[in-house]
Amino acid sequence: MRHFLDVWCKGWYSTYRTWALLLLVSPLLILIGCGSSRSVPSTTGSVATVSVPTNIPPTMMPTGTPTPTATPTATATPTPEPQQARFAVIGDFGLAGQPAADVAALVKSWNPDFVVTTGDNNYPMGAAETIDANIGQYYHEFLPDGTSAYGPGSPTNRFFPTLGNHDADIANGQAYFDYFSFLPGNKRYYTVDWPPVRMYAVNSVYWIEPDGIKSDSVQAMWLKEELAASPDTWNIVVFHHPPYGSAYHGPSSWMRWPYQEWGADVVLTGHNHVYERIMIDGFPYITNGLGGGARYAWGNTIEEGSVVRFNADHGAQLVEATEQQLTLQFITRTGEVIDTFTLNR
């Protein structure tokens, strides 16, 4: 009987262990069968990962035909606006009276961007008492607002003078510097940029120019450097005393600087109360002195290279510039065109 009980107990115990093991392992088998991924302890204590693919639901397909994305239209590169300038040049104009008024009316009829002078802005002596009557009375629209008592001015300056000898007869031109206090730099010589034009106002009045008036002076070296730095514009040099001339005053040889070599395109002057265009080695020197002062007779000697001469009436120059062309016309106060000169690039 005892032997029977020992065998029965051992058999029951073995069956118990089997069921117990199944009860312990079955949760793991269930998890594996459901497609999960779990870490199973290994015999060494490290974790072995068992990866089981999960069921992925089918991708939802669009129910309609997709609209294709429109191809972007290329944006056109804007074309730069061509640069243009339109301005007037007056010389020896500063004497209040009918000729000056007529020339001013002619200038305003052109609706220029700005006005340039070749000097002698204030006859007879450059006094403070006469300067506004000689200038502002006729050109206040181009001066900065508040400069002239004769009327409203411009929001920005559009009047660019150069010194003449009659502007400096009293107090070394103090009235000129006071009236034109808005000019850039030292006010005796300066540049004006108005693309495609660059204008260089130079002082040829030697007794009020501390930087000199010879071709190797400080002022001349300034002009040389400025011209060299501006090769792509129309470079117009303006001053009072003409290097070459056939009229009453003749030439002012101290102003014979190498303008063409330095990069200038044209030189504009006054002092002789005539209109004259002189070509020296193909380079234009133009005297414009018929803005309002008394007209001059021609001298005994006509300058070599003088191709156009006129002194029968007052007038002014109209200058029109594009990037490819520069045209200068001298027109009388009655509208007669005396000279047209064009440069092309």
Protein backbone atom coordinates (compact mmCIF):
# COMPACT_ATOMS: atom_id res chain seq x y z
CA MET A 1 0.00 0.00 0.00
CA ARG A 2 2.80 2.34 0.83
CA HIS A 3 4.47 1.66 -2.47
CA PHE A 4 1.26 2.46 -4.27
CA LEU A 5 0.94 5.75 -2.45
CA ASP A 6 4.53 6.73 -3.31
CA VAL A 7 3.95 6.06 -6.99
CA TRP A 8 0.65 7.95 -6.97
CA CYS A 9 2.12 10.93 -5.22
CA LYS A 10 5.08 11.13 -7.59
CA GLY A 11 2.77 10.91 -10.59
CA TRP A 12 0.47 13.59 -9.21
CA TYR A 13 3.41 15.85 -8.47
CA SER A 14 4.77 15.43 -12.00
CA THR A 15 1.36 16.27 -13.48
CA TYR A 16 1.08 19.29 -11.18
CA ARG A 17 4.45 20.62 -12.35
CA THR A 18 3.43 20.20 -15.99
CA TRP A 19 0.19 22.15 -15.54
CA ALA A 20 1.94 24.81 -13.52
CA LEU A 21 4.52 25.30 -16.28
CA LEU A 22 1.77 25.54 -18.90
CA LEU A 23 -0.04 28.12 -16.81
CA LEU A 24 3.14 30.19 -16.62
CA VAL A 25 4.04 29.99 -20.33
CA SER A 26 0.58 30.35 -21.86
CA PRO A 27 0.37 34.20 -21.50
CA LEU A 28 3.60 34.52 -23.46
CA LEU A 29 2.32 32.20 -26.19
CA ILE A 30 -0.90 34.16 -26.39
CA LEU A 31 1.00 37.41 -26.80
CA ILE A 32 3.22 35.95 -29.53
CA GLY A 33 0.20 34.62 -31.33
CA CYS A 34 -1.40 38.09 -31.32
CA GLY A 35 1.54 39.63 -33.15
CA SER A 36 3.02 41.73 -30.35
CA SER A 37 6.68 42.34 -29.75
CA ARG A 38 7.95 41.82 -26.23
CA SER A 39 11.28 41.38 -24.57
CA VAL A 40 11.97 37.89 -23.29
CA PRO A 41 14.47 37.43 -20.49
CA SER A 42 17.48 35.44 -21.64
CA THR A 43 19.52 33.09 -19.56
CA THR A 44 22.39 35.60 -19.40
CA GLY A 45 20.31 38.50 -18.14
CA SER A 46 20.46 40.51 -21.42
CA VAL A 47 17.24 41.41 -23.26
CA ALA A 48 16.50 39.68 -26.54
CA THR A 49 13.92 41.50 -28.67
CA VAL A 50 11.51 39.46 -30.67
CA SER A 51 9.96 41.49 -33.55
CA VAL A 52 6.75 40.33 -35.00
CA PRO A 53 5.15 42.17 -37.98
CA THR A 54 1.91 43.88 -37.10
CA ASN A 55 -1.09 43.89 -39.34
CA ILE A 56 -1.16 47.13 -41.46
CA PRO A 57 -4.58 48.32 -42.64
CA PRO A 58 -4.90 48.85 -46.37
CA THR A 59 -4.03 52.38 -47.63
CA MET A 60 -7.04 54.54 -48.38
CA MET A 61 -7.15 55.34 -52.10
CA PRO A 62 -8.49 58.68 -53.40
CA THR A 63 -12.03 58.49 -54.62
CA GLY A 64 -11.55 61.22 -57.32
CA THR A 65 -8.98 62.11 -60.00
CA PRO A 66 -6.32 64.37 -58.45
CA THR A 67 -5.93 67.88 -59.90
CA PRO A 68 -2.41 68.37 -61.24
CA THR A 69 -0.38 71.25 -59.72
CA ALA A 70 -0.15 74.15 -62.13
CA THR A 71 3.34 74.92 -63.43
CA PRO A 72 4.43 78.27 -61.94
CA THR A 73 4.68 81.09 -64.48
CA ALA A 74 8.12 82.67 -64.54
CA THR A 75 8.17 86.27 -63.26
CA ALA A 76 9.59 88.62 -65.87
CA THR A 77 12.73 90.49 -64.83
CA PRO A 78 11.86 94.18 -64.87
CA THR A 79 13.71 96.18 -67.54
CA PRO A 80 15.52 99.17 -66.02
CA GLU A 81 14.12 102.51 -67.10
CA PRO A 82 16.50 104.30 -69.49
CA GLN A 83 18.28 107.20 -67.82
CA GLN A 84 17.59 110.63 -69.28
CA ALA A 85 18.45 114.20 -68.35
CA ARG A 86 17.19 117.48 -69.80
CA PHE A 87 18.70 120.73 -68.58
CA ALA A 88 19.41 124.34 -69.53
CA VAL A 89 22.71 126.24 -69.56
CA ILE A 90 22.76 130.03 -69.19
CA GLY A 91 25.77 132.32 -69.09
CA ASP A 92 26.49 135.95 -68.14
CA PHE A 93 22.79 136.33 -67.44
CA GLY A 94 22.73 138.16 -64.10
CA LEU A 95 21.46 141.58 -65.15
CA ALA A 96 17.81 142.24 -64.43
CA GLY A 97 16.01 143.42 -67.55
CA GLN A 98 14.13 142.31 -70.64
CA PRO A 99 16.84 140.11 -72.19
CA ALA A 100 17.25 138.18 -68.92
CA ALA A 101 13.46 137.85 -68.57
CA ASP A 102 13.12 136.60 -72.14
CA VAL A 103 15.86 134.01 -71.74
CA ALA A 104 14.32 132.83 -68.46
CA ALA A 105 10.94 132.40 -70.17
CA LEU A 106 12.63 130.39 -72.92
CA VAL A 107 14.33 128.16 -70.35
CA LYS A 108 11.11 127.52 -68.44
CA SER A 109 9.30 126.60 -71.64
CA TRP A 110 11.63 123.61 -71.94
CA ASN A 111 10.64 122.32 -68.48
CA PRO A 112 14.23 121.33 -67.69
CA ASP A 113 15.28 119.10 -64.82
CA PHE A 114 17.79 121.72 -63.66
CA VAL A 115 19.71 124.85 -64.71
CA VAL A 116 23.49 125.29 -64.96
CA THR A 117 25.27 128.64 -65.26
CA THR A 118 28.65 129.54 -66.75
CA GLY A 119 29.18 132.43 -64.33
CA ASP A 120 28.57 136.16 -63.91
CA ASN A 121 25.33 135.52 -62.09
CA ASN A 122 25.12 138.95 -60.43
CA TYR A 123 26.06 142.16 -62.27
CA PRO A 124 27.58 144.62 -61.95
CA MET A 125 29.73 143.88 -58.89
CA GLY A 126 28.32 140.81 -57.15
CA ALA A 127 26.58 142.79 -54.40
CA ALA A 128 24.14 141.31 -51.90
CA GLU A 129 21.65 144.07 -52.72
CA THR A 130 21.29 142.95 -56.35
CA ILE A 131 21.67 139.19 -56.24
CA ASP A 132 18.06 138.14 -55.70
CA ALA A 133 16.75 140.58 -58.33
CA ASN A 134 19.29 139.26 -60.83
CA ILE A 135 18.77 135.56 -60.08
CA GLY A 136 15.76 134.73 -57.91
CA GLN A 137 13.42 137.04 -59.82
CA TYR A 138 13.75 134.80 -62.88
CA TYR A 139 14.78 131.39 -61.54
CA HIS A 140 13.29 131.03 -58.03
CA GLU A 141 11.41 127.88 -59.15
CA PHE A 142 14.76 126.08 -59.44
CA LEU A 143 16.28 127.36 -56.19
CA PRO A 144 15.60 125.68 -52.84
CA ASP A 145 12.38 126.84 -51.28
CA GLY A 146 12.94 129.96 -49.18
CA THR A 147 16.01 131.19 -51.08
CA SER A 148 14.28 133.96 -53.05
CA ALA A 149 11.81 136.63 -52.04
CA TYR A 150 10.32 136.54 -55.53
CA GLY A 151 8.38 133.34 -55.17
CA PRO A 152 8.30 129.72 -54.02
CA GLY A 153 11.21 127.47 -54.76
CA SER A 154 11.90 123.81 -55.32
CA PRO A 155 11.81 121.07 -52.63
CA THR A 156 15.37 120.26 -53.71
CA ASN A 157 17.95 122.46 -55.40
CA ARG A 158 17.86 122.47 -59.19
CA PHE A 159 20.09 125.48 -59.85
CA PHE A 160 23.85 124.96 -60.18
CA PRO A 161 25.99 128.08 -60.72
CA THR A 162 29.68 128.58 -61.34
CA LEU A 163 31.64 131.60 -60.21
CA GLY A 164 32.29 134.48 -62.63
CA ASN A 165 34.59 137.44 -62.16
CA HIS A 166 31.65 139.82 -61.61
CA ASP A 167 30.41 137.59 -58.79
CA ALA A 168 33.61 138.31 -56.86
CA ASP A 169 34.18 142.04 -57.29
CA ILE A 170 32.96 142.78 -53.75
CA ALA A 171 34.19 141.02 -50.59
CA ASN A 172 35.66 138.12 -52.61
CA GLY A 173 32.23 136.89 -53.60
CA GLN A 174 30.69 136.71 -50.13
CA ALA A 175 27.21 137.55 -51.42
CA TYR A 176 27.49 134.63 -53.86
CA PHE A 177 28.45 132.17 -51.12
CA ASP A 178 25.70 133.43 -48.83
CA TYR A 179 23.01 133.21 -51.49
CA PHE A 180 24.16 129.79 -52.70
CA SER A 181 24.85 128.41 -49.24
CA PHE A 182 23.15 125.14 -50.23
CA LEU A 183 25.85 124.19 -52.76
CA PRO A 184 27.90 121.09 -51.95
CA GLY A 185 31.52 120.92 -50.88
CA ASN A 186 33.47 124.17 -50.67
CA LYS A 187 30.92 125.82 -53.06
CA ARG A 188 33.72 127.05 -55.34
CA TYR A 189 34.05 123.75 -57.20
CA TYR A 190 31.84 120.69 -56.88
CA THR A 191 30.08 117.91 -58.81
CA VAL A 192 26.43 117.30 -59.65
CA ASP A 193 25.22 113.77 -60.44
CA TRP A 194 22.11 113.61 -62.58
CA PRO A 195 22.33 110.30 -64.47
CA PRO A 196 23.35 109.85 -67.17
CA VAL A 197 25.12 113.22 -66.73
CA ARG A 198 27.77 114.32 -64.29
CA MET A 199 28.52 118.04 -64.15
CA TYR A 200 31.76 119.45 -62.75
CA ALA A 201 31.60 123.10 -61.65
CA VAL A 202 35.14 124.51 -61.65
CA ASN A 203 36.31 127.89 -60.38
CA SER A 204 38.38 129.86 -62.92
CA VAL A 205 38.37 133.12 -60.90
CA TYR A 206 41.96 132.95 -59.76
CA TRP A 207 41.91 135.66 -57.07
CA ILE A 208 39.36 133.78 -54.96
CA GLU A 209 40.63 130.23 -55.52
CA PRO A 210 43.03 129.13 -52.77
CA ASP A 211 43.41 125.70 -54.41
CA GLY A 212 44.80 127.21 -57.61
CA ILE A 213 43.72 127.42 -61.25
CA LYS A 214 46.69 125.88 -63.08
CA SER A 215 46.62 122.40 -64.60
CA ASP A 216 48.70 120.96 -61.74
CA SER A 217 46.83 122.74 -58.95
CA VAL A 218 44.91 121.10 -56.11
CA GLN A 219 41.66 122.01 -57.86
CA ALA A 220 42.84 120.54 -61.18
CA MET A 221 43.95 117.30 -59.51
CA TRP A 222 40.53 117.07 -57.88
CA LEU A 223 38.91 117.34 -61.32
CA LYS A 224 41.29 114.75 -62.78
CA GLU A 225 40.47 112.26 -60.03
CA GLU A 226 36.72 112.89 -60.24
CA LEU A 227 36.69 112.38 -64.01
CA ALA A 228 38.69 109.17 -63.71
CA ALA A 229 36.14 107.83 -61.23
CA SER A 230 33.21 108.47 -63.59
CA PRO A 231 33.90 106.76 -66.94
CA ASP A 232 30.32 105.69 -67.70
CA THR A 233 28.52 109.05 -67.58
CA TRP A 234 28.49 112.11 -69.80
CA ASN A 235 31.14 114.29 -68.13
CA ILE A 236 30.46 118.00 -68.59
CA VAL A 237 32.98 120.51 -67.21
CA VAL A 238 31.66 124.03 -66.60
CA PHE A 239 33.49 127.23 -65.63
CA HIS A 240 33.61 130.92 -66.54
CA HIS A 241 36.77 131.82 -68.46
CA PRO A 242 37.08 130.16 -71.91
CA PRO A 243 40.41 128.46 -72.72
CA TYR A 244 39.84 129.41 -76.38
CA GLY A 245 37.78 132.28 -77.77
CA SER A 246 37.36 134.75 -80.63
CA ALA A 247 35.34 137.52 -78.96
CA TYR A 248 36.16 140.68 -77.04
CA HIS A 249 37.89 139.08 -74.03
CA GLY A 250 39.72 136.50 -76.12
CA PRO A 251 40.99 133.25 -74.58
CA SER A 252 41.99 132.57 -70.98
CA SER A 253 44.99 130.35 -71.56
CA TRP A 254 45.46 129.47 -67.85
CA MET A 255 42.40 127.25 -68.15
CA ARG A 256 43.88 125.02 -70.86
CA TRP A 257 43.86 121.85 -68.84
CA PRO A 258 43.90 118.38 -70.50
CA TYR A 259 40.14 117.86 -70.12
CA GLN A 260 39.83 115.38 -72.97
CA GLU A 261 42.73 113.29 -71.70
CA TRP A 262 41.22 113.23 -68.21
CA GLY A 263 37.87 111.96 -69.46
CA ALA A 264 35.64 115.01 -70.08
CA ASP A 265 33.18 115.00 -72.99
CA VAL A 266 32.63 118.75 -73.35
CA VAL A 267 33.68 122.05 -71.73
CA LEU A 268 31.13 124.86 -71.28
CA THR A 269 32.22 128.42 -70.45
CA GLY A 270 31.05 132.06 -70.50
CA HIS A 271 32.83 135.41 -69.99
CA ASN A 272 32.69 136.31 -73.70
CA HIS A 273 29.12 137.47 -74.32
CA VAL A 274 28.69 135.44 -77.50
CA TYR A 275 27.95 131.89 -78.52
CA GLU A 276 30.91 130.06 -80.01
CA ARG A 277 31.77 126.40 -80.53
CA ILE A 278 35.43 125.62 -81.01
CA MET A 279 36.74 122.14 -81.84
CA ILE A 280 40.29 121.40 -80.69
CA ASP A 281 41.52 117.95 -81.76
CA GLY A 282 37.89 116.89 -82.09
CA PHE A 283 37.02 118.06 -78.55
CA PRO A 284 34.26 120.70 -78.07
CA TYR A 285 34.86 123.95 -76.18
CA ILE A 286 31.59 125.93 -76.12
CA THR A 287 31.21 129.52 -74.95
CA ASN A 288 27.69 130.42 -73.82
CA GLY A 289 27.52 134.05 -72.65
CA LEU A 290 24.28 135.43 -74.07
CA GLY A 291 22.01 134.94 -71.04
CA GLY A 292 21.15 138.60 -70.43
CA GLY A 293 24.23 140.80 -70.24
CA ALA A 294 25.35 143.18 -73.00
CA ARG A 295 26.43 141.32 -76.15
CA TYR A 296 30.06 141.51 -77.35
CA ALA A 297 31.67 142.06 -80.74
CA TRP A 298 34.13 139.64 -82.27
CA GLY A 299 37.83 140.25 -81.88
CA ASN A 300 40.39 140.76 -84.59
CA THR A 301 41.49 137.14 -84.51
CA ILE A 302 39.21 134.18 -85.00
CA GLU A 303 40.32 131.19 -82.97
CA GLU A 304 41.54 128.23 -84.98
CA GLY A 305 38.92 125.51 -84.74
CA SER A 306 35.99 127.95 -84.39
CA VAL A 307 33.12 126.32 -86.29
CA VAL A 308 30.05 128.24 -85.02
CA ARG A 309 29.90 131.92 -83.96
CA PHE A 310 26.83 133.94 -83.01
CA ASN A 311 26.25 137.25 -81.22
CA ALA A 312 23.06 138.68 -82.78
CA ASP A 313 20.67 137.93 -79.91
CA HIS A 314 20.37 136.49 -76.42
CA GLY A 315 19.62 132.85 -75.76
CA ALA A 316 20.45 129.68 -73.85
CA GLN A 317 21.45 126.06 -74.36
CA LEU A 318 19.14 123.08 -74.12
CA VAL A 319 21.02 119.88 -73.30
CA GLU A 320 19.38 116.46 -73.62
CA ALA A 321 21.15 113.28 -72.59
CA THR A 322 20.46 109.58 -72.77
CA GLU A 323 22.89 106.80 -72.00
CA GLN A 324 23.85 106.63 -75.68
CA GLN A 325 23.58 110.27 -76.83
CA LEU A 326 24.30 113.83 -75.69
CA THR A 327 22.80 116.72 -77.70
CA LEU A 328 23.48 120.40 -77.07
CA GLN A 329 21.52 123.14 -78.84
CA PHE A 330 21.90 126.89 -78.62
CA ILE A 331 18.51 128.56 -79.10
CA THR A 332 17.73 132.28 -79.16
CA ARG A 333 15.00 133.88 -77.09
CA THR A 334 12.85 133.97 -80.24
CA GLY A 335 13.23 130.21 -80.72
CA GLU A 336 15.82 130.18 -83.50
CA VAL A 337 18.19 127.19 -83.30
CA ILE A 338 21.74 128.45 -83.90
CA ASP A 339 23.76 125.30 -83.26
CA THR A 340 23.09 121.61 -82.65
CA PHE A 341 25.97 119.44 -81.53
CA THR A 342 25.58 115.71 -80.79
CA LEU A 343 27.91 113.16 -79.22
CA ASN A 344 27.22 109.41 -79.45
CA ARG A 345 28.63 106.49 -77.52
